[in-house]
Amino acid sequence: MTQSILNRVFVGKLPMQFTRQTDIGQLRNLCSAGYLTVTFASFKLGQPASAIVTDITPLGRAVIRYFGFQRRTRPV
């Protein structure tokens, strides 16, 4: 689900790398929608595909607020 990967990016630390094909497909959708800034590695024979999320765009932050995502707080 694209919403869950957006939440993972929001609560994680950027830059964040992804190698699963399912995740990469969802990141392509989020990047195309203008929610994330993502660098996709060029396909090379024998190497796994990857994507690196470098930023959440202002539009992406608005969507995150709309869905009400919460950052996880760690006890100090």
C-alpha atoms as a PDB file:
ATOM      1  CA  MET A   1       0.000   0.000   0.000  1.00  0.00           C
ATOM      2  CA  THR A   2       1.425   3.360  -1.053  1.00  0.00           C
ATOM      3  CA  GLN A   3       0.165   5.097   2.091  1.00  0.00           C
ATOM      4  CA  SER A   4       2.152   2.729   4.329  1.00  0.00           C
ATOM      5  CA  ILE A   5       5.431   3.339   2.484  1.00  0.00           C
ATOM      6  CA  LEU A   6       4.843   7.102   2.748  1.00  0.00           C
ATOM      7  CA  ASN A   7       4.418   6.624   6.495  1.00  0.00           C
ATOM      8  CA  ARG A   8       7.650   4.558   6.644  1.00  0.00           C
ATOM      9  CA  VAL A   9       9.514   7.391   4.926  1.00  0.00           C
ATOM     10  CA  PHE A  10       7.960   9.960   7.268  1.00  0.00           C
ATOM     11  CA  VAL A  11       8.951   8.163  10.475  1.00  0.00           C
ATOM     12  CA  GLY A  12      12.359   7.069   9.149  1.00  0.00           C
ATOM     13  CA  LYS A  13      15.613   8.952   8.716  1.00  0.00           C
ATOM     14  CA  LEU A  14      16.445  10.397   5.304  1.00  0.00           C
ATOM     15  CA  PRO A  15      18.097   9.501   3.028  1.00  0.00           C
ATOM     16  CA  MET A  16      16.406   6.103   2.996  1.00  0.00           C
ATOM     17  CA  GLN A  17      17.265   3.289   0.569  1.00  0.00           C
ATOM     18  CA  PHE A  18      14.816   0.684  -0.756  1.00  0.00           C
ATOM     19  CA  THR A  19      15.616  -2.463  -2.768  1.00  0.00           C
ATOM     20  CA  ARG A  20      12.352  -4.445  -2.852  1.00  0.00           C
ATOM     21  CA  GLN A  21      10.631  -4.237  -6.234  1.00  0.00           C
ATOM     22  CA  THR A  22       7.246  -3.635  -4.591  1.00  0.00           C
ATOM     23  CA  ASP A  23       8.615  -0.692  -2.620  1.00  0.00           C
ATOM     24  CA  ILE A  24      10.334   0.757  -5.693  1.00  0.00           C
ATOM     25  CA  GLY A  25       7.084   0.617  -7.669  1.00  0.00           C
ATOM     26  CA  GLN A  26       5.229   2.447  -4.912  1.00  0.00           C
ATOM     27  CA  LEU A  27       8.020   5.021  -4.655  1.00  0.00           C
ATOM     28  CA  ARG A  28       7.710   5.655  -8.408  1.00  0.00           C
ATOM     29  CA  ASN A  29       4.016   6.433  -7.870  1.00  0.00           C
ATOM     30  CA  LEU A  30       4.722   8.760  -4.936  1.00  0.00           C
ATOM     31  CA  CYS A  31       7.493  10.505  -6.872  1.00  0.00           C
ATOM     32  CA  SER A  32       5.233  10.930  -9.925  1.00  0.00           C
ATOM     33  CA  ALA A  33       2.510  12.380  -7.696  1.00  0.00           C
ATOM     34  CA  GLY A  34       5.029  14.938  -6.414  1.00  0.00           C
ATOM     35  CA  TYR A  35       5.109  13.722  -2.794  1.00  0.00           C
ATOM     36  CA  LEU A  36       8.746  12.580  -2.610  1.00  0.00           C
ATOM     37  CA  THR A  37      12.126  13.295  -4.139  1.00  0.00           C
ATOM     38  CA  VAL A  38      13.554   9.915  -5.143  1.00  0.00           C
ATOM     39  CA  THR A  39      16.692   8.855  -6.991  1.00  0.00           C
ATOM     40  CA  PHE A  40      16.279   5.597  -8.890  1.00  0.00           C
ATOM     41  CA  ALA A  41      19.409   3.589  -9.685  1.00  0.00           C
ATOM     42  CA  SER A  42      19.920   2.697 -13.319  1.00  0.00           C
ATOM     43  CA  PHE A  43      19.264  -0.937 -14.104  1.00  0.00           C
ATOM     44  CA  LYS A  44      22.481  -2.877 -14.539  1.00  0.00           C
ATOM     45  CA  LEU A  45      22.605  -6.575 -15.300  1.00  0.00           C
ATOM     46  CA  GLY A  46      23.442  -8.576 -12.183  1.00  0.00           C
ATOM     47  CA  GLN A  47      22.765  -5.742  -9.750  1.00  0.00           C
ATOM     48  CA  PRO A  48      19.570  -5.299  -7.761  1.00  0.00           C
ATOM     49  CA  ALA A  49      17.403  -2.273  -8.453  1.00  0.00           C
ATOM     50  CA  SER A  50      17.322   0.396  -5.776  1.00  0.00           C
ATOM     51  CA  ALA A  51      15.768   3.734  -4.935  1.00  0.00           C
ATOM     52  CA  ILE A  52      16.892   6.383  -2.472  1.00  0.00           C
ATOM     53  CA  VAL A  53      14.382   8.795  -0.962  1.00  0.00           C
ATOM     54  CA  THR A  54      16.130  12.096  -0.282  1.00  0.00           C
ATOM     55  CA  ASP A  55      13.268  14.425   0.635  1.00  0.00           C
ATOM     56  CA  ILE A  56       9.562  14.810   1.300  1.00  0.00           C
ATOM     57  CA  THR A  57       8.149  17.637  -0.821  1.00  0.00           C
ATOM     58  CA  PRO A  58       5.814  20.329   0.556  1.00  0.00           C
ATOM     59  CA  LEU A  59       2.918  18.554  -1.192  1.00  0.00           C
ATOM     60  CA  GLY A  60       3.984  15.289   0.441  1.00  0.00           C
ATOM     61  CA  ARG A  61       4.032  16.972   3.853  1.00  0.00           C
ATOM     62  CA  ALA A  62       0.495  18.264   3.240  1.00  0.00           C
ATOM     63  CA  VAL A  63      -0.671  14.723   2.428  1.00  0.00           C
ATOM     64  CA  ILE A  64       1.039  13.424   5.570  1.00  0.00           C
ATOM     65  CA  ARG A  65      -0.822  16.029   7.657  1.00  0.00           C
ATOM     66  CA  TYR A  66      -4.097  15.089   5.922  1.00  0.00           C
ATOM     67  CA  PHE A  67      -3.657  11.395   6.788  1.00  0.00           C
ATOM     68  CA  GLY A  68      -2.590  12.300  10.327  1.00  0.00           C
ATOM     69  CA  PHE A  69       0.677  10.367  10.399  1.00  0.00           C
ATOM     70  CA  GLN A  70       2.491  10.610  13.720  1.00  0.00           C
ATOM     71  CA  ARG A  71       6.226  10.424  14.312  1.00  0.00           C
ATOM     72  CA  ARG A  72       7.177   7.767  16.800  1.00  0.00           C
ATOM     73  CA  THR A  73       8.755   9.179  19.897  1.00  0.00           C
ATOM     74  CA  ARG A  74      11.465   7.276  21.670  1.00  0.00           C
ATOM     75  CA  PRO A  75      11.835   7.352  25.433  1.00  0.00           C
ATOM     76  CA  VAL A  76      14.869   9.338  26.557  1.00  0.00           C
END
